[in-house]
Amino acid sequence: MMVSNSRALNHLDPYFDAETRGRLAQVDGAIAALWSRVDELPASSGVSVLVSSADLDRLLAALTIAIGAASMGGPASLFFSFWGVAALRKPDAKSRARSLLERLLGWLLPCGASSLGLSRMHMGGVGTSMLKRRMRDKNIPGVDALFAMAAECGVRLYVCTTTLELMGLALDDLIDYPSIEACGVSAFLSTAYDSRLTLTV
């Protein structure tokens, strides 16, 4: 319940001159007018997640959050940009004619989720292997299983067109997913504006 600002300050009225009290009344009226328009705002729902990292733990978190949001009935979307796009690459993607720089990026970037490392405690791959083994022992789904679950829940994947161009990649180079499309940042922002929650991992 909204409390009028001027009423809340009534006990201070003796300390204010007439001009100050008039200004407070104007502010109170403006706030009341804004509150009256709250119900007119469109209801937002769902989650949008910006994935700009090629770290395994961050990707696991992004997928888990998106799946959870979709399971609760709201729309969920993941926007992959820059290094995050490496998580979507097919390990066995057919080679295409690329420039030397594009081929160099292809060699340096991880090729698919199976080649991602941890953001911390990677330890030359030992830490990542330990985490994957621990997840298997505890029956915790890995990245491939989470992508499958995300597809079933209707999570949409968006891939930054600028990043694809910079890295010399196309949608054909990325994983097979039922709801994946390339888009610019404006398209993602349009989705994010309609979301109740927007996260970056």
C-alpha atoms as a PDB file:
ATOM      1  CA  MET A   1       0.000   0.000   0.000  1.00  0.00           C
ATOM      2  CA  MET A   2       1.406   3.395  -0.965  1.00  0.00           C
ATOM      3  CA  VAL A   3       1.774   6.007   1.750  1.00  0.00           C
ATOM      4  CA  SER A   4       1.468   9.631   0.710  1.00  0.00           C
ATOM      5  CA  ASN A   5       4.823  11.356   1.022  1.00  0.00           C
ATOM      6  CA  SER A   6       3.243  14.618   2.157  1.00  0.00           C
ATOM      7  CA  ARG A   7       1.178  12.816   4.817  1.00  0.00           C
ATOM      8  CA  ALA A   8       4.313  11.022   5.992  1.00  0.00           C
ATOM      9  CA  LEU A   9       5.984  14.417   6.404  1.00  0.00           C
ATOM     10  CA  ASN A  10       3.040  16.096   8.093  1.00  0.00           C
ATOM     11  CA  HIS A  11       4.799  16.017  11.445  1.00  0.00           C
ATOM     12  CA  LEU A  12       7.550  18.139   9.894  1.00  0.00           C
ATOM     13  CA  ASP A  13       5.193  20.804   8.521  1.00  0.00           C
ATOM     14  CA  PRO A  14       6.012  23.325  11.252  1.00  0.00           C
ATOM     15  CA  TYR A  15       9.606  23.317  10.065  1.00  0.00           C
ATOM     16  CA  PHE A  16       8.752  24.002   6.389  1.00  0.00           C
ATOM     17  CA  ASP A  17       7.794  27.307   4.892  1.00  0.00           C
ATOM     18  CA  ALA A  18       4.813  27.632   2.558  1.00  0.00           C
ATOM     19  CA  GLU A  19       6.928  27.337  -0.591  1.00  0.00           C
ATOM     20  CA  THR A  20       8.542  24.093   0.566  1.00  0.00           C
ATOM     21  CA  ARG A  21       5.187  22.615   1.537  1.00  0.00           C
ATOM     22  CA  GLY A  22       3.847  23.514  -1.898  1.00  0.00           C
ATOM     23  CA  ARG A  23       6.733  21.766  -3.621  1.00  0.00           C
ATOM     24  CA  LEU A  24       6.282  18.679  -1.471  1.00  0.00           C
ATOM     25  CA  ALA A  25       2.616  18.597  -2.422  1.00  0.00           C
ATOM     26  CA  GLN A  26       3.574  18.742  -6.114  1.00  0.00           C
ATOM     27  CA  VAL A  27       6.046  15.879  -5.684  1.00  0.00           C
ATOM     28  CA  ASP A  28       3.438  13.874  -3.810  1.00  0.00           C
ATOM     29  CA  GLY A  29       0.935  14.416  -6.599  1.00  0.00           C
ATOM     30  CA  ALA A  30       3.460  13.352  -9.253  1.00  0.00           C
ATOM     31  CA  ILE A  31       4.266  10.162  -7.350  1.00  0.00           C
ATOM     32  CA  ALA A  32       0.578   9.363  -6.935  1.00  0.00           C
ATOM     33  CA  ALA A  33       0.071   9.836 -10.680  1.00  0.00           C
ATOM     34  CA  LEU A  34       2.927   7.453 -11.446  1.00  0.00           C
ATOM     35  CA  TRP A  35       1.571   4.822  -9.069  1.00  0.00           C
ATOM     36  CA  SER A  36      -1.824   5.055 -10.752  1.00  0.00           C
ATOM     37  CA  ARG A  37      -0.181   4.037 -14.052  1.00  0.00           C
ATOM     38  CA  VAL A  38       1.624   0.969 -12.690  1.00  0.00           C
ATOM     39  CA  ASP A  39      -1.303  -1.309 -13.459  1.00  0.00           C
ATOM     40  CA  GLU A  40      -1.219  -0.141 -17.065  1.00  0.00           C
ATOM     41  CA  LEU A  41       2.296  -1.457 -17.603  1.00  0.00           C
ATOM     42  CA  PRO A  42       2.534  -4.774 -19.507  1.00  0.00           C
ATOM     43  CA  ALA A  43       3.235  -7.744 -17.284  1.00  0.00           C
ATOM     44  CA  SER A  44       6.731  -9.091 -17.811  1.00  0.00           C
ATOM     45  CA  SER A  45       7.707 -12.711 -17.437  1.00  0.00           C
ATOM     46  CA  GLY A  46      10.478 -15.097 -18.260  1.00  0.00           C
ATOM     47  CA  VAL A  47      14.250 -14.942 -18.185  1.00  0.00           C
ATOM     48  CA  SER A  48      16.867 -13.795 -20.682  1.00  0.00           C
ATOM     49  CA  VAL A  49      20.498 -14.814 -20.173  1.00  0.00           C
ATOM     50  CA  LEU A  50      23.510 -13.361 -21.960  1.00  0.00           C
ATOM     51  CA  VAL A  51      26.197 -16.040 -22.383  1.00  0.00           C
ATOM     52  CA  SER A  52      29.500 -14.423 -23.324  1.00  0.00           C
ATOM     53  CA  SER A  53      31.863 -16.903 -21.695  1.00  0.00           C
ATOM     54  CA  ALA A  54      33.289 -20.207 -22.892  1.00  0.00           C
ATOM     55  CA  ASP A  55      33.556 -21.590 -19.356  1.00  0.00           C
ATOM     56  CA  LEU A  56      31.866 -24.890 -18.556  1.00  0.00           C
ATOM     57  CA  ASP A  57      30.577 -23.869 -15.143  1.00  0.00           C
ATOM     58  CA  ARG A  58      29.036 -20.673 -16.482  1.00  0.00           C
ATOM     59  CA  LEU A  59      27.319 -22.521 -19.319  1.00  0.00           C
ATOM     60  CA  LEU A  60      25.931 -25.088 -16.875  1.00  0.00           C
ATOM     61  CA  ALA A  61      24.534 -22.265 -14.753  1.00  0.00           C
ATOM     62  CA  ALA A  62      22.973 -20.489 -17.746  1.00  0.00           C
ATOM     63  CA  LEU A  63      21.289 -23.650 -19.014  1.00  0.00           C
ATOM     64  CA  THR A  64      20.033 -24.611 -15.559  1.00  0.00           C
ATOM     65  CA  ILE A  65      18.509 -21.171 -14.973  1.00  0.00           C
ATOM     66  CA  ALA A  66      16.849 -21.126 -18.401  1.00  0.00           C
ATOM     67  CA  ILE A  67      15.426 -24.621 -17.944  1.00  0.00           C
ATOM     68  CA  GLY A  68      14.129 -23.713 -14.502  1.00  0.00           C
ATOM     69  CA  ALA A  69      12.430 -20.594 -15.825  1.00  0.00           C
ATOM     70  CA  ALA A  70      10.863 -22.466 -18.739  1.00  0.00           C
ATOM     71  CA  SER A  71       9.689 -25.232 -16.403  1.00  0.00           C
ATOM     72  CA  MET A  72       7.855 -22.610 -14.355  1.00  0.00           C
ATOM     73  CA  GLY A  73       5.869 -21.625 -17.418  1.00  0.00           C
ATOM     74  CA  GLY A  74       7.718 -18.491 -18.489  1.00  0.00           C
ATOM     75  CA  PRO A  75       9.645 -17.903 -21.712  1.00  0.00           C
ATOM     76  CA  ALA A  76      13.398 -18.349 -21.506  1.00  0.00           C
ATOM     77  CA  SER A  77      16.116 -17.388 -23.951  1.00  0.00           C
ATOM     78  CA  LEU A  78      19.901 -17.583 -24.120  1.00  0.00           C
ATOM     79  CA  PHE A  79      21.874 -15.065 -26.160  1.00  0.00           C
ATOM     80  CA  PHE A  80      25.339 -16.344 -27.083  1.00  0.00           C
ATOM     81  CA  SER A  81      27.944 -13.719 -27.872  1.00  0.00           C
ATOM     82  CA  PHE A  82      31.714 -13.674 -28.365  1.00  0.00           C
ATOM     83  CA  TRP A  83      33.424 -16.555 -26.532  1.00  0.00           C
ATOM     84  CA  GLY A  84      30.094 -18.069 -25.554  1.00  0.00           C
ATOM     85  CA  VAL A  85      29.492 -19.015 -29.201  1.00  0.00           C
ATOM     86  CA  ALA A  86      32.350 -21.528 -28.935  1.00  0.00           C
ATOM     87  CA  ALA A  87      30.123 -23.651 -26.698  1.00  0.00           C
ATOM     88  CA  LEU A  88      27.725 -24.126 -29.611  1.00  0.00           C
ATOM     89  CA  ARG A  89      30.268 -25.235 -32.204  1.00  0.00           C
ATOM     90  CA  LYS A  90      29.948 -28.709 -33.665  1.00  0.00           C
ATOM     91  CA  PRO A  91      33.067 -30.773 -32.935  1.00  0.00           C
ATOM     92  CA  ASP A  92      32.760 -32.404 -36.365  1.00  0.00           C
ATOM     93  CA  ALA A  93      31.681 -29.368 -38.368  1.00  0.00           C
ATOM     94  CA  LYS A  94      32.738 -29.560 -41.997  1.00  0.00           C
ATOM     95  CA  SER A  95      35.569 -27.247 -42.875  1.00  0.00           C
ATOM     96  CA  ARG A  96      34.794 -24.296 -45.115  1.00  0.00           C
ATOM     97  CA  ALA A  97      37.090 -21.924 -46.953  1.00  0.00           C
ATOM     98  CA  ARG A  98      38.094 -19.298 -44.379  1.00  0.00           C
ATOM     99  CA  SER A  99      40.718 -16.618 -44.058  1.00  0.00           C
ATOM    100  CA  LEU A 100      43.912 -17.289 -42.117  1.00  0.00           C
ATOM    101  CA  LEU A 101      42.612 -15.291 -39.137  1.00  0.00           C
ATOM    102  CA  GLU A 102      39.337 -17.218 -39.083  1.00  0.00           C
ATOM    103  CA  ARG A 103      41.179 -20.540 -39.209  1.00  0.00           C
ATOM    104  CA  LEU A 104      43.434 -19.353 -36.378  1.00  0.00           C
ATOM    105  CA  LEU A 105      40.406 -18.483 -34.251  1.00  0.00           C
ATOM    106  CA  GLY A 106      38.991 -21.904 -35.023  1.00  0.00           C
ATOM    107  CA  TRP A 107      42.140 -23.570 -33.729  1.00  0.00           C
ATOM    108  CA  LEU A 108      42.332 -21.440 -30.569  1.00  0.00           C
ATOM    109  CA  LEU A 109      38.680 -21.491 -29.518  1.00  0.00           C
ATOM    110  CA  PRO A 110      37.065 -24.486 -27.812  1.00  0.00           C
ATOM    111  CA  CYS A 111      35.174 -26.636 -30.277  1.00  0.00           C
ATOM    112  CA  GLY A 112      31.917 -27.509 -28.623  1.00  0.00           C
ATOM    113  CA  ALA A 113      30.746 -27.942 -25.045  1.00  0.00           C
ATOM    114  CA  SER A 114      32.821 -31.090 -24.532  1.00  0.00           C
ATOM    115  CA  SER A 115      36.037 -29.070 -24.829  1.00  0.00           C
ATOM    116  CA  LEU A 116      35.096 -26.308 -22.389  1.00  0.00           C
ATOM    117  CA  GLY A 117      37.091 -25.801 -19.218  1.00  0.00           C
ATOM    118  CA  LEU A 118      36.242 -24.351 -15.827  1.00  0.00           C
ATOM    119  CA  SER A 119      36.551 -20.653 -15.099  1.00  0.00           C
ATOM    120  CA  ARG A 120      38.462 -21.574 -11.946  1.00  0.00           C
ATOM    121  CA  MET A 121      40.364 -24.666 -10.812  1.00  0.00           C
ATOM    122  CA  HIS A 122      40.689 -25.902 -14.384  1.00  0.00           C
ATOM    123  CA  MET A 123      44.243 -27.045 -13.496  1.00  0.00           C
ATOM    124  CA  GLY A 124      45.218 -28.003 -17.012  1.00  0.00           C
ATOM    125  CA  GLY A 125      42.039 -30.025 -17.458  1.00  0.00           C
ATOM    126  CA  VAL A 126      42.320 -32.036 -14.230  1.00  0.00           C
ATOM    127  CA  GLY A 127      39.750 -29.944 -12.378  1.00  0.00           C
ATOM    128  CA  THR A 128      37.323 -30.077 -15.292  1.00  0.00           C
ATOM    129  CA  SER A 129      37.649 -33.867 -15.542  1.00  0.00           C
ATOM    130  CA  MET A 130      37.066 -34.211 -11.811  1.00  0.00           C
ATOM    131  CA  LEU A 131      33.918 -32.097 -12.006  1.00  0.00           C
ATOM    132  CA  LYS A 132      32.533 -34.081 -14.943  1.00  0.00           C
ATOM    133  CA  ARG A 133      33.215 -37.350 -13.135  1.00  0.00           C
ATOM    134  CA  ARG A 134      31.568 -36.037  -9.985  1.00  0.00           C
ATOM    135  CA  MET A 135      28.526 -34.998 -11.993  1.00  0.00           C
ATOM    136  CA  ARG A 136      28.265 -38.477 -13.525  1.00  0.00           C
ATOM    137  CA  ASP A 137      28.583 -40.116 -10.100  1.00  0.00           C
ATOM    138  CA  LYS A 138      25.786 -37.921  -8.758  1.00  0.00           C
ATOM    139  CA  ASN A 139      23.599 -38.358 -11.866  1.00  0.00           C
ATOM    140  CA  ILE A 140      23.736 -34.638 -12.580  1.00  0.00           C
ATOM    141  CA  PRO A 141      23.050 -33.942 -16.271  1.00  0.00           C
ATOM    142  CA  GLY A 142      25.920 -32.651 -18.358  1.00  0.00           C
ATOM    143  CA  VAL A 143      25.855 -29.981 -21.021  1.00  0.00           C
ATOM    144  CA  ASP A 144      24.523 -32.214 -23.807  1.00  0.00           C
ATOM    145  CA  ALA A 145      21.692 -33.461 -21.596  1.00  0.00           C
ATOM    146  CA  LEU A 146      20.890 -29.912 -20.498  1.00  0.00           C
ATOM    147  CA  PHE A 147      20.691 -28.743 -24.098  1.00  0.00           C
ATOM    148  CA  ALA A 148      18.242 -31.575 -24.784  1.00  0.00           C
ATOM    149  CA  MET A 149      16.179 -30.625 -21.731  1.00  0.00           C
ATOM    150  CA  ALA A 150      16.240 -26.965 -22.781  1.00  0.00           C
ATOM    151  CA  ALA A 151      14.917 -27.902 -26.209  1.00  0.00           C
ATOM    152  CA  GLU A 152      12.081 -29.902 -24.639  1.00  0.00           C
ATOM    153  CA  CYS A 153      11.177 -26.964 -22.392  1.00  0.00           C
ATOM    154  CA  GLY A 154      11.124 -24.533 -25.296  1.00  0.00           C
ATOM    155  CA  VAL A 155      14.201 -22.497 -24.404  1.00  0.00           C
ATOM    156  CA  ARG A 156      15.235 -20.384 -27.382  1.00  0.00           C
ATOM    157  CA  LEU A 157      18.864 -19.837 -28.400  1.00  0.00           C
ATOM    158  CA  TYR A 158      20.002 -16.629 -30.057  1.00  0.00           C
ATOM    159  CA  VAL A 159      23.475 -16.216 -31.533  1.00  0.00           C
ATOM    160  CA  CYS A 160      25.092 -12.848 -32.114  1.00  0.00           C
ATOM    161  CA  THR A 161      25.426 -12.197 -35.846  1.00  0.00           C
ATOM    162  CA  THR A 162      28.440  -9.936 -35.307  1.00  0.00           C
ATOM    163  CA  THR A 163      30.268 -12.693 -33.445  1.00  0.00           C
ATOM    164  CA  LEU A 164      29.489 -15.209 -36.182  1.00  0.00           C
ATOM    165  CA  GLU A 165      30.894 -12.822 -38.749  1.00  0.00           C
ATOM    166  CA  LEU A 166      34.018 -12.061 -36.713  1.00  0.00           C
ATOM    167  CA  MET A 167      34.785 -15.755 -36.195  1.00  0.00           C
ATOM    168  CA  GLY A 168      33.864 -16.828 -39.704  1.00  0.00           C
ATOM    169  CA  LEU A 169      31.096 -19.107 -38.487  1.00  0.00           C
ATOM    170  CA  ALA A 170      27.600 -19.859 -39.743  1.00  0.00           C
ATOM    171  CA  LEU A 171      24.580 -21.471 -38.119  1.00  0.00           C
ATOM    172  CA  ASP A 172      25.497 -24.685 -39.937  1.00  0.00           C
ATOM    173  CA  ASP A 173      28.669 -24.796 -37.820  1.00  0.00           C
ATOM    174  CA  LEU A 174      26.649 -24.864 -34.601  1.00  0.00           C
ATOM    175  CA  ILE A 175      24.826 -27.630 -32.767  1.00  0.00           C
ATOM    176  CA  ASP A 176      21.517 -28.950 -34.035  1.00  0.00           C
ATOM    177  CA  TYR A 177      18.868 -27.269 -31.918  1.00  0.00           C
ATOM    178  CA  PRO A 178      15.190 -26.793 -32.752  1.00  0.00           C
ATOM    179  CA  SER A 179      14.962 -23.121 -31.727  1.00  0.00           C
ATOM    180  CA  ILE A 180      18.233 -21.434 -32.662  1.00  0.00           C
ATOM    181  CA  GLU A 181      18.611 -18.317 -34.738  1.00  0.00           C
ATOM    182  CA  ALA A 182      21.136 -15.611 -35.471  1.00  0.00           C
ATOM    183  CA  CYS A 183      20.187 -12.099 -34.463  1.00  0.00           C
ATOM    184  CA  GLY A 184      21.622  -8.733 -33.585  1.00  0.00           C
ATOM    185  CA  VAL A 185      21.815  -7.144 -30.181  1.00  0.00           C
ATOM    186  CA  SER A 186      18.668  -5.077 -30.813  1.00  0.00           C
ATOM    187  CA  ALA A 187      16.602  -8.248 -31.253  1.00  0.00           C
ATOM    188  CA  PHE A 188      17.959  -9.677 -28.004  1.00  0.00           C
ATOM    189  CA  LEU A 189      17.320  -6.417 -26.159  1.00  0.00           C
ATOM    190  CA  SER A 190      13.728  -6.490 -27.371  1.00  0.00           C
ATOM    191  CA  THR A 191      13.385  -9.921 -25.773  1.00  0.00           C
ATOM    192  CA  ALA A 192      15.241  -8.837 -22.638  1.00  0.00           C
ATOM    193  CA  TYR A 193      12.985  -5.791 -22.167  1.00  0.00           C
ATOM    194  CA  ASP A 194       9.988  -8.113 -22.054  1.00  0.00           C
ATOM    195  CA  SER A 195      11.639 -10.417 -19.517  1.00  0.00           C
ATOM    196  CA  ARG A 196      11.203 -10.185 -15.796  1.00  0.00           C
ATOM    197  CA  LEU A 197      14.851 -11.068 -15.246  1.00  0.00           C
ATOM    198  CA  THR A 198      17.959 -10.570 -17.388  1.00  0.00           C
ATOM    199  CA  LEU A 199      21.258 -12.162 -16.376  1.00  0.00           C
ATOM    200  CA  THR A 200      24.822 -12.236 -17.665  1.00  0.00           C
ATOM    201  CA  VAL A 201      27.123 -15.221 -17.180  1.00  0.00           C
END
